[in-house]
Amino acid sequence: MAADGGTSRGERWSLAGTAALVTGGSKGIGHAIVEELAGFGATVHTCSRNAAELEECRRRWEELKLPVTVSVCDVSVRAEREKLMETVNRTFDGKLDILVNNAGQMPLKAAVEYTADEYTQLMTTNLESCFHLSQLVHPLLLRASIAGGGSIVNISSISGSIAYPGVTLYAISKGGMNQLTIQSGPLTTFA
């Protein structure tokens, strides 16, 4: 019995028949999102840079009988994002209901210590990848089985609104993601 008076998760609502892509799903928040979506019945595809971690997760999800497929992808690399979308397109027969932009990096370092390459890497991973994946996924979301089209969920942080010492660049990237989320509105914005 659930705490809400006896209704189980599956009795409250279902994502059966939906397809979701979650970036950075091998650990942390992304891992939890993958399991939650799959637990509600969605078929999920996730990616990670770390092939070994991803394979370990895939085996566990298979044992749990969760409908999750995986592929290695470094979202900071444009060509890898494009390859990921080809994989997702094939896996879900050209439709997608949910994109969760979760992958990100949060190095603890004073802003004055970052090199230009480190700055670029962080912004490309945390912000550019979200914008680009949202563009790439647009045609698939238009074919979503959810009434009214698919959804894009951008995982941000309180650091996007309140700066903390040692995570200045992370905060900048998450602030940008907050604006991407606010400004994007309906999918027609990308049309």
C-alpha atoms as a PDB file:
ATOM      1  CA  MET A   1       0.000   0.000   0.000  1.00  0.00           C
ATOM      2  CA  ALA A   2       1.178   3.473  -0.807  1.00  0.00           C
ATOM      3  CA  ALA A   3       1.213   6.356   1.630  1.00  0.00           C
ATOM      4  CA  ASP A   4      -1.537   8.121  -0.323  1.00  0.00           C
ATOM      5  CA  GLY A   5      -4.259   5.815   0.930  1.00  0.00           C
ATOM      6  CA  GLY A   6      -3.576   2.530  -0.787  1.00  0.00           C
ATOM      7  CA  THR A   7      -3.116   3.484  -4.411  1.00  0.00           C
ATOM      8  CA  SER A   8       0.000   2.048  -6.013  1.00  0.00           C
ATOM      9  CA  ARG A   9       2.172   3.993  -8.421  1.00  0.00           C
ATOM     10  CA  GLY A  10       0.726   2.180 -11.442  1.00  0.00           C
ATOM     11  CA  GLU A  11      -2.846   2.835 -10.359  1.00  0.00           C
ATOM     12  CA  ARG A  12      -2.304   6.603 -10.111  1.00  0.00           C
ATOM     13  CA  TRP A  13      -0.958   7.125 -13.612  1.00  0.00           C
ATOM     14  CA  SER A  14       1.075   5.425 -16.290  1.00  0.00           C
ATOM     15  CA  LEU A  15       3.658   6.195 -18.955  1.00  0.00           C
ATOM     16  CA  ALA A  16       3.004   2.911 -20.766  1.00  0.00           C
ATOM     17  CA  GLY A  17       3.559   3.321 -24.481  1.00  0.00           C
ATOM     18  CA  THR A  18       5.786   6.367 -24.130  1.00  0.00           C
ATOM     19  CA  ALA A  19       9.440   6.708 -25.057  1.00  0.00           C
ATOM     20  CA  ALA A  20      12.003   8.773 -23.145  1.00  0.00           C
ATOM     21  CA  LEU A  21      15.632   9.819 -23.575  1.00  0.00           C
ATOM     22  CA  VAL A  22      17.583  10.684 -20.423  1.00  0.00           C
ATOM     23  CA  THR A  23      21.130  11.974 -20.794  1.00  0.00           C
ATOM     24  CA  GLY A  24      23.638  11.095 -18.081  1.00  0.00           C
ATOM     25  CA  GLY A  25      21.606   8.175 -16.756  1.00  0.00           C
ATOM     26  CA  SER A  26      24.310   5.964 -15.285  1.00  0.00           C
ATOM     27  CA  LYS A  27      24.490   7.699 -11.901  1.00  0.00           C
ATOM     28  CA  GLY A  28      22.975  10.313  -9.634  1.00  0.00           C
ATOM     29  CA  ILE A  29      19.799  12.152 -10.556  1.00  0.00           C
ATOM     30  CA  GLY A  30      19.837  10.775 -14.101  1.00  0.00           C
ATOM     31  CA  HIS A  31      19.948   7.191 -12.845  1.00  0.00           C
ATOM     32  CA  ALA A  32      16.973   7.849 -10.562  1.00  0.00           C
ATOM     33  CA  ILE A  33      15.032   9.474 -13.414  1.00  0.00           C
ATOM     34  CA  VAL A  34      15.670   6.486 -15.701  1.00  0.00           C
ATOM     35  CA  GLU A  35      14.363   4.065 -13.074  1.00  0.00           C
ATOM     36  CA  GLU A  36      11.360   6.232 -12.220  1.00  0.00           C
ATOM     37  CA  LEU A  37      10.296   6.683 -15.850  1.00  0.00           C
ATOM     38  CA  ALA A  38      10.769   2.974 -16.589  1.00  0.00           C
ATOM     39  CA  GLY A  39       8.915   2.123 -13.358  1.00  0.00           C
ATOM     40  CA  PHE A  40       5.928   4.095 -14.654  1.00  0.00           C
ATOM     41  CA  GLY A  41       6.027   2.086 -17.892  1.00  0.00           C
ATOM     42  CA  ALA A  42       8.041   4.287 -20.260  1.00  0.00           C
ATOM     43  CA  THR A  43      10.603   2.704 -22.534  1.00  0.00           C
ATOM     44  CA  VAL A  44      13.799   4.604 -21.803  1.00  0.00           C
ATOM     45  CA  HIS A  45      17.068   5.156 -23.628  1.00  0.00           C
ATOM     46  CA  THR A  46      19.953   6.653 -21.695  1.00  0.00           C
ATOM     47  CA  CYS A  47      23.547   7.552 -22.355  1.00  0.00           C
ATOM     48  CA  SER A  48      26.768   8.198 -20.494  1.00  0.00           C
ATOM     49  CA  ARG A  49      30.428   8.820 -21.317  1.00  0.00           C
ATOM     50  CA  ASN A  50      31.471   5.884 -19.148  1.00  0.00           C
ATOM     51  CA  ALA A  51      30.879   2.606 -20.999  1.00  0.00           C
ATOM     52  CA  ALA A  52      31.665   0.406 -17.971  1.00  0.00           C
ATOM     53  CA  GLU A  53      29.219   2.240 -15.668  1.00  0.00           C
ATOM     54  CA  LEU A  54      26.592   2.202 -18.377  1.00  0.00           C
ATOM     55  CA  GLU A  55      26.944  -1.541 -18.948  1.00  0.00           C
ATOM     56  CA  GLU A  56      26.701  -2.225 -15.220  1.00  0.00           C
ATOM     57  CA  CYS A  57      23.464  -0.215 -15.103  1.00  0.00           C
ATOM     58  CA  ARG A  58      22.099  -1.932 -18.214  1.00  0.00           C
ATOM     59  CA  ARG A  59      22.626  -5.350 -16.621  1.00  0.00           C
ATOM     60  CA  ARG A  60      20.903  -4.246 -13.424  1.00  0.00           C
ATOM     61  CA  TRP A  61      17.946  -2.775 -15.324  1.00  0.00           C
ATOM     62  CA  GLU A  62      17.680  -5.961 -17.349  1.00  0.00           C
ATOM     63  CA  GLU A  63      17.560  -8.009 -14.106  1.00  0.00           C
ATOM     64  CA  LEU A  64      14.832  -5.679 -12.832  1.00  0.00           C
ATOM     65  CA  LYS A  65      13.007  -6.140 -16.156  1.00  0.00           C
ATOM     66  CA  LEU A  66      13.013  -2.407 -16.793  1.00  0.00           C
ATOM     67  CA  PRO A  67      12.717  -1.429 -20.484  1.00  0.00           C
ATOM     68  CA  VAL A  68      15.958   0.548 -20.792  1.00  0.00           C
ATOM     69  CA  THR A  69      18.409   0.671 -23.679  1.00  0.00           C
ATOM     70  CA  VAL A  70      21.789   2.386 -23.510  1.00  0.00           C
ATOM     71  CA  SER A  71      24.517   3.900 -25.645  1.00  0.00           C
ATOM     72  CA  VAL A  72      27.807   5.611 -24.964  1.00  0.00           C
ATOM     73  CA  CYS A  73      27.714   9.327 -25.726  1.00  0.00           C
ATOM     74  CA  ASP A  74      29.751  12.318 -24.628  1.00  0.00           C
ATOM     75  CA  VAL A  75      27.139  15.070 -24.935  1.00  0.00           C
ATOM     76  CA  SER A  76      29.902  17.684 -25.142  1.00  0.00           C
ATOM     77  CA  VAL A  77      30.699  16.422 -28.647  1.00  0.00           C
ATOM     78  CA  ARG A  78      28.296  17.603 -31.349  1.00  0.00           C
ATOM     79  CA  ALA A  79      28.857  14.573 -33.599  1.00  0.00           C
ATOM     80  CA  GLU A  80      28.148  12.217 -30.693  1.00  0.00           C
ATOM     81  CA  ARG A  81      24.877  14.048 -29.941  1.00  0.00           C
ATOM     82  CA  GLU A  82      23.884  13.614 -33.573  1.00  0.00           C
ATOM     83  CA  LYS A  83      24.783   9.913 -33.441  1.00  0.00           C
ATOM     84  CA  LEU A  84      22.768   9.569 -30.211  1.00  0.00           C
ATOM     85  CA  MET A  85      19.716  11.013 -31.938  1.00  0.00           C
ATOM     86  CA  GLU A  86      20.137   8.555 -34.842  1.00  0.00           C
ATOM     87  CA  THR A  87      20.157   5.742 -32.272  1.00  0.00           C
ATOM     88  CA  VAL A  88      17.096   7.130 -30.487  1.00  0.00           C
ATOM     89  CA  ASN A  89      15.280   7.608 -33.792  1.00  0.00           C
ATOM     90  CA  ARG A  90      15.890   3.946 -34.713  1.00  0.00           C
ATOM     91  CA  THR A  91      15.153   2.644 -31.211  1.00  0.00           C
ATOM     92  CA  PHE A  92      11.804   4.438 -30.942  1.00  0.00           C
ATOM     93  CA  ASP A  93      10.745   4.274 -34.597  1.00  0.00           C
ATOM     94  CA  GLY A  94      10.926   8.013 -35.148  1.00  0.00           C
ATOM     95  CA  LYS A  95       8.985   9.252 -32.135  1.00  0.00           C
ATOM     96  CA  LEU A  96       9.909  10.413 -28.666  1.00  0.00           C
ATOM     97  CA  ASP A  97       7.679  11.614 -25.846  1.00  0.00           C
ATOM     98  CA  ILE A  98      10.191  12.877 -23.276  1.00  0.00           C
ATOM     99  CA  LEU A  99      13.705  14.313 -23.408  1.00  0.00           C
ATOM    100  CA  VAL A 100      15.426  14.794 -20.057  1.00  0.00           C
ATOM    101  CA  ASN A 101      18.555  16.941 -20.429  1.00  0.00           C
ATOM    102  CA  ASN A 102      20.356  15.772 -17.309  1.00  0.00           C
ATOM    103  CA  ALA A 103      24.031  15.242 -18.191  1.00  0.00           C
ATOM    104  CA  GLY A 104      26.341  17.796 -16.669  1.00  0.00           C
ATOM    105  CA  GLN A 105      29.597  18.489 -14.911  1.00  0.00           C
ATOM    106  CA  MET A 106      30.222  20.388 -11.683  1.00  0.00           C
ATOM    107  CA  PRO A 107      33.934  20.756 -10.996  1.00  0.00           C
ATOM    108  CA  LEU A 108      34.805  22.601  -7.819  1.00  0.00           C
ATOM    109  CA  LYS A 109      37.294  25.253  -8.818  1.00  0.00           C
ATOM    110  CA  ALA A 110      37.732  29.000  -8.515  1.00  0.00           C
ATOM    111  CA  ALA A 111      36.641  30.784 -11.678  1.00  0.00           C
ATOM    112  CA  VAL A 112      40.076  32.409 -12.116  1.00  0.00           C
ATOM    113  CA  GLU A 113      41.697  28.956 -12.278  1.00  0.00           C
ATOM    114  CA  TYR A 114      39.757  27.712 -15.342  1.00  0.00           C
ATOM    115  CA  THR A 115      41.524  27.473 -18.663  1.00  0.00           C
ATOM    116  CA  ALA A 116      39.735  28.463 -21.853  1.00  0.00           C
ATOM    117  CA  ASP A 117      39.423  24.775 -22.786  1.00  0.00           C
ATOM    118  CA  GLU A 118      37.904  23.892 -19.394  1.00  0.00           C
ATOM    119  CA  TYR A 119      35.399  26.732 -19.743  1.00  0.00           C
ATOM    120  CA  THR A 120      34.411  25.549 -23.208  1.00  0.00           C
ATOM    121  CA  GLN A 121      34.099  21.923 -22.056  1.00  0.00           C
ATOM    122  CA  LEU A 122      31.819  22.844 -19.146  1.00  0.00           C
ATOM    123  CA  MET A 123      29.565  25.141 -21.194  1.00  0.00           C
ATOM    124  CA  THR A 124      29.355  22.657 -24.046  1.00  0.00           C
ATOM    125  CA  THR A 125      28.422  19.819 -21.691  1.00  0.00           C
ATOM    126  CA  ASN A 126      26.031  21.684 -19.413  1.00  0.00           C
ATOM    127  CA  LEU A 127      24.333  24.157 -21.750  1.00  0.00           C
ATOM    128  CA  GLU A 128      25.073  23.809 -25.461  1.00  0.00           C
ATOM    129  CA  SER A 129      24.241  20.098 -25.422  1.00  0.00           C
ATOM    130  CA  CYS A 130      20.787  20.823 -23.989  1.00  0.00           C
ATOM    131  CA  PHE A 131      19.983  23.396 -26.648  1.00  0.00           C
ATOM    132  CA  HIS A 132      21.301  21.237 -29.474  1.00  0.00           C
ATOM    133  CA  LEU A 133      19.548  18.065 -28.272  1.00  0.00           C
ATOM    134  CA  SER A 134      16.307  20.026 -27.968  1.00  0.00           C
ATOM    135  CA  GLN A 135      16.686  21.080 -31.593  1.00  0.00           C
ATOM    136  CA  LEU A 136      17.556  17.561 -32.735  1.00  0.00           C
ATOM    137  CA  VAL A 137      14.686  15.931 -30.864  1.00  0.00           C
ATOM    138  CA  HIS A 138      12.036  18.386 -32.073  1.00  0.00           C
ATOM    139  CA  PRO A 139      10.832  16.313 -35.076  1.00  0.00           C
ATOM    140  CA  LEU A 140      10.530  13.203 -32.880  1.00  0.00           C
ATOM    141  CA  LEU A 141       8.616  15.076 -30.170  1.00  0.00           C
ATOM    142  CA  LEU A 142       6.103  16.276 -32.756  1.00  0.00           C
ATOM    143  CA  ARG A 143       5.201  12.605 -33.291  1.00  0.00           C
ATOM    144  CA  ALA A 144       4.823  11.957 -29.547  1.00  0.00           C
ATOM    145  CA  SER A 145       2.018   9.730 -28.343  1.00  0.00           C
ATOM    146  CA  ILE A 146       1.289  12.085 -25.438  1.00  0.00           C
ATOM    147  CA  ALA A 147      -1.619  14.377 -26.311  1.00  0.00           C
ATOM    148  CA  GLY A 148      -0.327  17.814 -27.230  1.00  0.00           C
ATOM    149  CA  GLY A 149       3.204  16.693 -28.072  1.00  0.00           C
ATOM    150  CA  GLY A 150       6.252  15.665 -26.134  1.00  0.00           C
ATOM    151  CA  SER A 151       8.087  17.260 -23.249  1.00  0.00           C
ATOM    152  CA  ILE A 152      11.599  18.533 -22.654  1.00  0.00           C
ATOM    153  CA  VAL A 153      12.785  18.507 -19.059  1.00  0.00           C
ATOM    154  CA  ASN A 154      15.976  20.431 -18.295  1.00  0.00           C
ATOM    155  CA  ILE A 155      17.624  19.457 -15.014  1.00  0.00           C
ATOM    156  CA  SER A 156      19.009  22.614 -13.482  1.00  0.00           C
ATOM    157  CA  SER A 157      20.176  23.568 -10.006  1.00  0.00           C
ATOM    158  CA  ILE A 158      19.632  26.157  -7.322  1.00  0.00           C
ATOM    159  CA  SER A 159      23.104  27.268  -8.413  1.00  0.00           C
ATOM    160  CA  GLY A 160      21.462  28.668 -11.527  1.00  0.00           C
ATOM    161  CA  SER A 161      19.861  31.315  -9.322  1.00  0.00           C
ATOM    162  CA  ILE A 162      22.234  31.588  -6.370  1.00  0.00           C
ATOM    163  CA  ALA A 163      25.994  31.514  -6.901  1.00  0.00           C
ATOM    164  CA  TYR A 164      28.136  29.456  -4.548  1.00  0.00           C
ATOM    165  CA  PRO A 165      31.929  29.682  -4.131  1.00  0.00           C
ATOM    166  CA  GLY A 166      33.844  27.236  -6.302  1.00  0.00           C
ATOM    167  CA  VAL A 167      31.034  26.553  -8.792  1.00  0.00           C
ATOM    168  CA  THR A 168      30.820  29.866 -10.661  1.00  0.00           C
ATOM    169  CA  LEU A 169      30.985  28.393 -14.158  1.00  0.00           C
ATOM    170  CA  TYR A 170      28.542  25.633 -13.233  1.00  0.00           C
ATOM    171  CA  ALA A 171      26.177  28.345 -11.919  1.00  0.00           C
ATOM    172  CA  ILE A 172      26.519  30.300 -15.170  1.00  0.00           C
ATOM    173  CA  SER A 173      25.673  27.201 -17.218  1.00  0.00           C
ATOM    174  CA  LYS A 174      22.645  26.370 -15.066  1.00  0.00           C
ATOM    175  CA  GLY A 175      21.458  29.983 -15.177  1.00  0.00           C
ATOM    176  CA  GLY A 176      21.614  29.729 -18.960  1.00  0.00           C
ATOM    177  CA  MET A 177      19.643  26.489 -18.813  1.00  0.00           C
ATOM    178  CA  ASN A 178      16.997  28.218 -16.688  1.00  0.00           C
ATOM    179  CA  GLN A 179      16.645  30.861 -19.385  1.00  0.00           C
ATOM    180  CA  LEU A 180      16.504  28.207 -22.103  1.00  0.00           C
ATOM    181  CA  THR A 181      13.667  26.565 -20.210  1.00  0.00           C
ATOM    182  CA  ILE A 182      11.765  29.816 -19.604  1.00  0.00           C
ATOM    183  CA  GLN A 183      12.282  31.255 -23.092  1.00  0.00           C
ATOM    184  CA  SER A 184      11.627  28.084 -25.107  1.00  0.00           C
ATOM    185  CA  GLY A 185       7.974  27.724 -24.232  1.00  0.00           C
ATOM    186  CA  PRO A 186       6.084  25.412 -26.560  1.00  0.00           C
ATOM    187  CA  LEU A 187       7.896  23.304 -29.123  1.00  0.00           C
ATOM    188  CA  THR A 188       6.794  25.643 -31.877  1.00  0.00           C
ATOM    189  CA  THR A 189       9.578  27.942 -30.711  1.00  0.00           C
ATOM    190  CA  PHE A 190      12.008  25.576 -32.416  1.00  0.00           C
ATOM    191  CA  ALA A 191       9.975  25.340 -35.645  1.00  0.00           C
END
